[in-house]
C-alpha cells in the first residue's frame, strides 16, 4: 500500500468583506462583544454570482497549479459542502464541468464543518489501496445564504469561501492517519432545516445552541487529538502545527492547551474568515503553506467539529 501526500493547495474568497462594525449598524451587537466571544473581526460574503461552483473551481485551479498538475491528471473529485448550488447534479459534477475535467468519479459529501476532513479520509483510502492516483478535495460553503440576519448569535459567525487540496501517491510518509466520527443524537444543537421538506419552517436558517455546542466540541476535539497521537505512537511535543477548524477562538485555544502548544504553533484565520464550515481547514492550510510557515517534512494535525455532530482529525507529514 502506498501513502497519500499533499501535492498542492488552493483557496478562493468572495470579494466582499463584512466587518463587525458593519453588524453594529444592523443588529444589537458590538465589535468588542463579537471579538471577545468568537475571535472574529471580519468575514467574506458572496454575491449572487459567487456560487459554490465558482468559488470551488477557483480554489481547485490554484491547488492544481501548486501541485504542477492539469485537470486531466485528476481521477477523483470530492466536494465537501452543506450549501450546494443544486439539489442535483452535485456541486462536484458542476465543478467538473466548470473545469472541463474528463469523466471521473465526482461526488459531494455533507458533513458540515467536518466535511473536508471526511473528504481527506476518503481520498486517502482510495490512494492507499491503489484505486486512484490524484484526488482533488474541495471544501466550499456559501453559508451566508442560510444566515438569519436578525439572529445575532449565528449571523456574525458564518461566512463564505473555498479551499482545495490535491492528494497524490508517495512512497514516503504523508497522511499518517485519519479519524472520522458522527453522532446524530446531537442533531438539534446545530442544524438547518431543508426548505424543500419544510417550506413553512422557522428553521430554514442556521440554528445553534451555542453554549452546548461549545462544551461538547472542546471535549470531543480533545479526545480525537489523543486518539490520533496514540494511534501513531507520537508524543504531542512532536507536532509542529495545529490547523484547526476556525469556528471559535476559545475552542481553538482549548485544543492548543490540551496539546501543550503555544498559539504561535496554531494556524489562525478565524479573525478574518469567520466560520466557513467545510472550507475553513483547507483555507487555513493553504494560507500557512503559501506564506512559508508550514514546510515540507513538518508534522501537522488537522481537526474539525460541526453539525451532525460530525468530527474528525488527520495527522499529516507535509
Protein backbone atom coordinates (compact mmCIF):
# COMPACT_ATOMS: atom_id res chain seq x y z
CA UNK A 1 0.00 0.00 0.00
CA UNK A 2 1.20 3.47 -0.88
CA UNK A 3 0.74 6.58 1.20
CA UNK A 4 -1.00 9.75 0.09
CA UNK A 5 0.68 13.13 0.11
CA UNK A 6 -0.48 16.74 -0.21
CA UNK A 7 0.76 17.88 -3.62
CA UNK A 8 -0.82 21.33 -3.69
CA UNK A 9 -3.35 23.61 -2.03
CA UNK A 10 -5.55 26.49 -3.15
CA UNK A 11 -8.11 28.94 -1.80
CA UNK A 12 -10.79 31.34 -3.00
CA UNK A 13 -12.69 34.01 -1.09
CA UNK A 14 -15.53 36.33 -2.12
CA UNK A 15 -14.58 39.95 -2.74
CA UNK A 16 -17.00 41.50 -0.25
CA UNK A 17 -15.78 41.84 3.34
CA UNK A 18 -18.22 42.47 6.19
CA UNK A 19 -16.72 43.72 9.45
CA UNK A 20 -18.12 43.62 12.96
CA UNK A 21 -18.67 47.35 12.70
CA UNK A 22 -20.99 46.69 9.77
CA UNK A 23 -23.03 44.43 12.04
CA UNK A 24 -23.22 47.15 14.69
CA UNK A 25 -25.33 49.16 12.23
CA UNK A 26 -27.83 46.33 11.65
CA UNK A 27 -28.28 44.31 14.85
CA UNK A 28 -27.83 44.75 18.59
CA UNK A 29 -24.17 43.84 18.96
CA UNK A 30 -20.72 45.41 19.18
CA UNK A 31 -17.32 44.68 17.74
CA UNK A 32 -16.00 44.07 21.26
CA UNK A 33 -18.77 41.56 22.06
CA UNK A 34 -18.10 39.57 18.88
CA UNK A 35 -14.31 39.57 19.21
CA UNK A 36 -14.32 38.57 22.88
CA UNK A 37 -16.68 35.63 22.33
CA UNK A 38 -15.55 34.37 18.94
CA UNK A 39 -12.29 35.98 17.84
CA UNK A 40 -13.93 37.05 14.57
CA UNK A 41 -13.27 40.55 13.26
CA UNK A 42 -14.46 40.24 9.66
CA UNK A 43 -15.74 37.69 7.15
CA UNK A 44 -16.19 37.31 3.38
CA UNK A 45 -19.75 37.24 1.99
CA UNK A 46 -20.56 36.00 -1.52
CA UNK A 47 -22.59 37.92 -4.04
CA UNK A 48 -25.13 36.21 -6.30
CA UNK A 49 -22.54 35.30 -8.94
CA UNK A 50 -20.08 33.85 -6.41
CA UNK A 51 -21.57 30.37 -6.16
CA UNK A 52 -20.19 27.24 -4.54
CA UNK A 53 -19.26 26.06 -8.03
CA UNK A 54 -17.37 29.24 -8.94
CA UNK A 55 -15.55 29.51 -5.60
CA UNK A 56 -14.72 25.81 -5.54
CA UNK A 57 -13.43 25.79 -9.11
CA UNK A 58 -11.22 28.81 -8.43
CA UNK A 59 -9.64 27.16 -5.37
CA UNK A 60 -9.19 23.93 -7.32
CA UNK A 61 -7.29 25.60 -10.14
CA UNK A 62 -4.86 27.15 -7.67
CA UNK A 63 -4.33 23.78 -5.98
CA UNK A 64 -3.66 22.12 -9.34
CA UNK A 65 -1.18 24.84 -10.27
CA UNK A 66 0.62 24.42 -6.94
CA UNK A 67 0.75 20.66 -7.50
CA UNK A 68 2.08 21.07 -11.03
CA UNK A 69 -0.83 19.06 -12.43
CA UNK A 70 -3.53 19.62 -15.03
CA UNK A 71 -7.21 18.70 -14.90
CA UNK A 72 -6.51 15.56 -16.94
CA UNK A 73 -4.30 14.24 -14.12
CA UNK A 74 -7.22 14.12 -11.67
CA UNK A 75 -9.13 10.84 -11.40
CA UNK A 76 -11.45 11.64 -8.47
CA UNK A 77 -13.16 14.82 -7.27
CA UNK A 78 -14.69 15.12 -3.80
CA UNK A 79 -16.57 18.25 -2.72
CA UNK A 80 -17.46 18.81 0.93
CA UNK A 81 -20.32 21.28 1.20
CA UNK A 82 -23.55 21.90 3.08
CA UNK A 83 -24.54 24.64 0.63
CA UNK A 84 -24.64 23.09 -2.85
CA UNK A 85 -25.78 25.11 -5.83
CA UNK A 86 -28.36 22.48 -6.76
CA UNK A 87 -30.04 19.50 -5.11
CA UNK A 88 -28.64 17.61 -8.08
CA UNK A 89 -26.39 17.41 -10.01
CA UNK A 90 -23.83 17.56 -7.22
CA UNK A 91 -21.54 20.55 -6.86
CA UNK A 92 -18.71 18.15 -7.69
CA UNK A 93 -20.32 17.50 -11.10
CA UNK A 94 -20.81 21.23 -11.64
CA UNK A 95 -17.17 21.95 -10.78
CA UNK A 96 -16.08 19.08 -13.03
CA UNK A 97 -17.95 20.74 -15.91
CA UNK A 98 -16.62 24.18 -14.97
CA UNK A 99 -13.02 22.93 -15.10
CA UNK A 100 -13.56 20.68 -18.13
CA UNK A 101 -12.36 17.60 -16.27
CA UNK A 102 -12.91 14.37 -18.27
CA UNK A 103 -15.17 11.60 -16.93
CA UNK A 104 -14.06 10.63 -13.43
CA UNK A 105 -15.65 9.80 -10.08
CA UNK A 106 -17.12 13.04 -8.70
CA UNK A 107 -19.42 13.43 -5.72
CA UNK A 108 -20.44 15.62 -2.77
CA UNK A 109 -20.32 14.77 0.91
CA UNK A 110 -22.34 16.56 3.57
CA UNK A 111 -20.68 16.51 6.97
CA UNK A 112 -20.94 20.22 7.84
CA UNK A 113 -17.74 21.57 9.41
CA UNK A 114 -16.19 18.10 9.44
CA UNK A 115 -16.69 17.73 5.70
CA UNK A 116 -13.17 18.47 4.49
CA UNK A 117 -11.56 16.04 6.94
CA UNK A 118 -14.12 13.43 5.85
CA UNK A 119 -13.15 14.08 2.22
CA UNK A 120 -9.47 13.84 3.04
CA UNK A 121 -10.05 10.50 4.76
CA UNK A 122 -11.99 9.10 1.79
CA UNK A 123 -9.36 10.22 -0.72
CA UNK A 124 -6.58 8.77 1.43
CA UNK A 125 -8.17 5.31 1.34
CA UNK A 126 -8.56 5.33 -2.44
CA UNK A 127 -4.93 6.33 -2.96
CA UNK A 128 -3.51 3.91 -0.39
CA UNK A 129 -5.32 0.98 -1.99
CA UNK A 130 -4.17 1.99 -5.46
CA UNK A 131 -7.65 2.58 -6.84
CA UNK A 132 -6.95 6.27 -7.55
CA UNK A 133 -3.85 8.34 -8.17
CA UNK A 134 -4.53 12.06 -7.87
CA UNK A 135 -7.60 13.15 -5.94
CA UNK A 136 -8.93 16.71 -5.71
CA UNK A 137 -10.72 17.54 -2.45
CA UNK A 138 -12.61 20.83 -2.14
CA UNK A 139 -14.31 22.32 0.89
CA UNK A 140 -16.67 25.11 -0.14
CA UNK A 141 -19.51 26.98 1.55
CA UNK A 142 -21.80 29.91 0.91
CA UNK A 143 -23.25 29.86 4.41
CA UNK A 144 -24.45 33.45 4.12
CA UNK A 145 -27.34 32.01 2.08
CA UNK A 146 -28.50 30.22 5.24
CA UNK A 147 -27.95 33.07 7.70
CA UNK A 148 -30.75 34.61 9.71
CA UNK A 149 -29.58 38.21 9.69
CA UNK A 150 -31.75 39.02 12.72
CA UNK A 151 -30.13 36.33 14.91
CA UNK A 152 -27.02 37.90 16.43
CA UNK A 153 -25.92 34.56 17.86
CA UNK A 154 -25.37 32.99 14.43
CA UNK A 155 -25.26 35.60 11.65
CA UNK A 156 -21.99 37.04 12.97
CA UNK A 157 -20.30 33.64 12.80
CA UNK A 158 -20.81 32.10 9.40
CA UNK A 159 -19.18 33.13 6.15
CA UNK A 160 -18.24 32.01 2.64
CA UNK A 161 -15.16 30.65 0.90
CA UNK A 162 -13.44 27.64 -0.61
CA UNK A 163 -10.26 25.69 -0.03
CA UNK A 164 -8.82 22.82 -2.06
CA UNK A 165 -6.14 20.16 -1.78
CA UNK A 166 -4.67 17.75 -4.32
CA UNK A 167 -3.59 14.40 -2.91
CA UNK A 168 -1.29 12.01 -4.75
CA UNK A 169 0.65 8.81 -4.04
CA UNK A 170 4.05 8.72 -2.34
CA UNK A 171 6.49 6.10 -1.10
CA UNK A 172 7.35 8.39 1.81
CA UNK A 173 5.26 9.47 4.78
CA UNK A 174 2.25 11.63 4.02
CA UNK A 175 -1.13 11.27 5.67
CA UNK A 176 -0.29 9.14 8.68
CA UNK A 177 -3.89 8.55 9.76
CA UNK A 178 -7.39 9.99 9.67
CA UNK A 179 -10.13 9.54 12.26
CA UNK A 180 -13.75 10.45 11.48
CA UNK A 181 -16.92 10.14 13.56
CA UNK A 182 -20.51 11.29 13.84
CA UNK A 183 -23.30 11.22 16.43
CA UNK A 184 -26.76 12.16 15.21
CA UNK A 185 -28.17 12.31 18.72
CA UNK A 186 -26.99 15.92 18.85
CA UNK A 187 -28.84 16.93 15.68
CA UNK A 188 -30.94 19.60 17.45
CA UNK A 189 -27.96 21.58 18.76
CA UNK A 190 -26.74 22.81 15.39
CA UNK A 191 -28.89 22.43 12.29
CA UNK A 192 -30.68 23.96 9.33
CA UNK A 193 -33.98 22.60 8.02
CA UNK A 194 -34.43 21.86 4.33
CA UNK A 195 -36.90 24.40 2.87
CA UNK A 196 -37.96 21.82 0.28
CA UNK A 197 -39.10 19.48 3.04
CA UNK A 198 -40.31 22.14 5.50
CA UNK A 199 -41.28 25.21 3.43
CA UNK A 200 -43.11 26.90 6.33
CA UNK A 201 -40.50 26.19 8.99
CA UNK A 202 -38.94 28.94 11.07
CA UNK A 203 -35.73 26.92 11.00
CA UNK A 204 -34.78 27.19 7.35
CA UNK A 205 -31.79 29.17 8.60
CA UNK A 206 -28.84 28.03 10.70
CA UNK A 207 -29.91 27.39 14.28
CA UNK A 208 -27.44 26.75 17.09
CA UNK A 209 -27.42 26.31 20.85
CA UNK A 210 -24.00 27.82 21.22
CA UNK A 211 -23.09 27.06 24.83
CA UNK A 212 -23.92 23.37 24.49
CA UNK A 213 -22.07 23.07 21.19
CA UNK A 214 -19.02 24.73 22.74
CA UNK A 215 -18.83 22.32 25.67
CA UNK A 216 -19.18 19.20 23.54
CA UNK A 217 -16.75 20.48 20.91
CA UNK A 218 -13.96 21.10 23.41
CA UNK A 219 -14.32 17.65 24.98
CA UNK A 220 -14.69 15.82 21.67
CA UNK A 221 -11.73 17.51 19.99
CA UNK A 222 -9.53 16.75 22.99
CA UNK A 223 -10.43 13.08 22.70
CA UNK A 224 -9.79 12.85 18.97
CA UNK A 225 -6.44 14.60 19.34
CA UNK A 226 -5.44 11.95 21.87
CA UNK A 227 -6.62 9.20 19.54
CA UNK A 228 -4.57 10.48 16.59
CA UNK A 229 -1.41 10.71 18.69
CA UNK A 230 -1.89 7.32 20.33
CA UNK A 231 -2.64 5.60 17.02
CA UNK A 232 0.66 6.83 15.58
CA UNK A 233 2.73 6.45 18.79
CA UNK A 234 3.60 10.13 18.59
CA UNK A 235 4.05 12.50 21.52
CA UNK A 236 2.19 15.79 21.37
CA UNK A 237 5.51 17.63 21.56
CA UNK A 238 6.37 16.34 18.08
CA UNK A 239 3.56 18.26 16.37
CA UNK A 240 4.80 21.32 14.52
CA UNK A 241 1.47 22.87 13.57
CA UNK A 242 -2.17 22.63 14.58
CA UNK A 243 -4.56 23.56 11.75
CA UNK A 244 -8.00 23.61 13.39
CA UNK A 245 -11.49 24.27 12.16
CA UNK A 246 -11.91 28.02 12.50
CA UNK A 247 -15.15 28.20 14.48
CA UNK A 248 -14.33 29.98 17.70
CA UNK A 249 -11.05 31.23 19.16
CA UNK A 250 -11.87 29.79 22.58
CA UNK A 251 -12.37 26.28 21.21
CA UNK A 252 -9.08 26.58 19.34
CA UNK A 253 -7.27 27.80 22.45
CA UNK A 254 -8.65 24.91 24.49
CA UNK A 255 -7.40 22.39 21.92
CA UNK A 256 -3.95 24.00 21.80
CA UNK A 257 -3.76 23.91 25.59
CA UNK A 258 -4.61 20.20 25.53
CA UNK A 259 -1.66 19.67 23.19
CA UNK A 260 0.64 21.86 25.23
CA UNK A 261 1.17 24.04 22.17
CA UNK A 262 1.70 27.77 22.10
CA UNK A 263 -0.71 29.78 19.96
CA UNK A 264 2.27 30.60 17.74
CA UNK A 265 2.08 26.97 16.54
CA UNK A 266 -1.60 27.28 15.66
CA UNK A 267 -2.75 28.46 12.23
CA UNK A 268 -5.45 31.05 12.87
CA UNK A 269 -7.70 32.58 10.22
CA UNK A 270 -10.91 32.88 12.23
CA UNK A 271 -10.39 36.63 12.76
CA UNK A 272 -10.57 37.42 9.05
CA UNK A 273 -12.55 34.48 7.64
CA UNK A 274 -15.12 33.67 10.32
CA UNK A 275 -16.58 30.17 10.31
CA UNK A 276 -16.59 28.86 6.73
CA UNK A 277 -17.52 25.32 7.82
CA UNK A 278 -16.01 22.70 5.48
CA UNK A 279 -13.85 25.37 3.82
CA UNK A 280 -12.14 26.57 7.00
CA UNK A 281 -9.45 23.88 7.39
CA UNK A 282 -8.26 23.95 3.76
CA UNK A 283 -8.36 27.76 3.74
CA UNK A 284 -6.13 27.88 6.82
CA UNK A 285 -3.85 25.14 5.50
CA UNK A 286 -3.37 26.91 2.18
CA UNK A 287 -2.52 30.21 3.85
CA UNK A 288 0.11 28.69 6.13
CA UNK A 289 1.72 26.73 3.29
CA UNK A 290 1.82 29.69 0.93
CA UNK A 291 3.27 32.12 3.49
CA UNK A 292 6.00 29.62 4.36
CA UNK A 293 5.02 28.77 7.91
CA UNK A 294 4.30 25.13 7.11
CA UNK A 295 7.32 23.48 5.50
CA UNK A 296 7.92 20.09 3.92
CA UNK A 297 8.68 17.41 6.48
CA UNK A 298 6.78 19.07 9.31
CA UNK A 299 4.08 17.27 11.28
CA UNK A 300 0.61 18.80 11.05
CA UNK A 301 -2.58 17.99 12.91
CA UNK A 302 -5.88 18.93 11.29
CA UNK A 303 -9.11 18.76 13.29
CA UNK A 304 -12.72 19.80 12.84
CA UNK A 305 -16.08 19.58 14.60
CA UNK A 306 -19.53 20.57 13.36
CA UNK A 307 -23.21 19.94 12.83
CA UNK A 308 -24.34 16.35 12.96
CA UNK A 309 -22.40 16.22 15.14
CA UNK A 310 -19.51 15.22 12.93
CA UNK A 311 -15.87 15.42 13.87
CA UNK A 312 -12.51 14.25 12.61
CA UNK A 313 -8.76 14.63 12.60
CA UNK A 314 -5.85 13.97 10.25
CA UNK A 315 -2.21 13.64 11.21
CA UNK A 316 -0.03 14.56 8.25
CA UNK A 317 3.65 14.66 7.46
CA UNK A 318 3.72 17.52 4.98
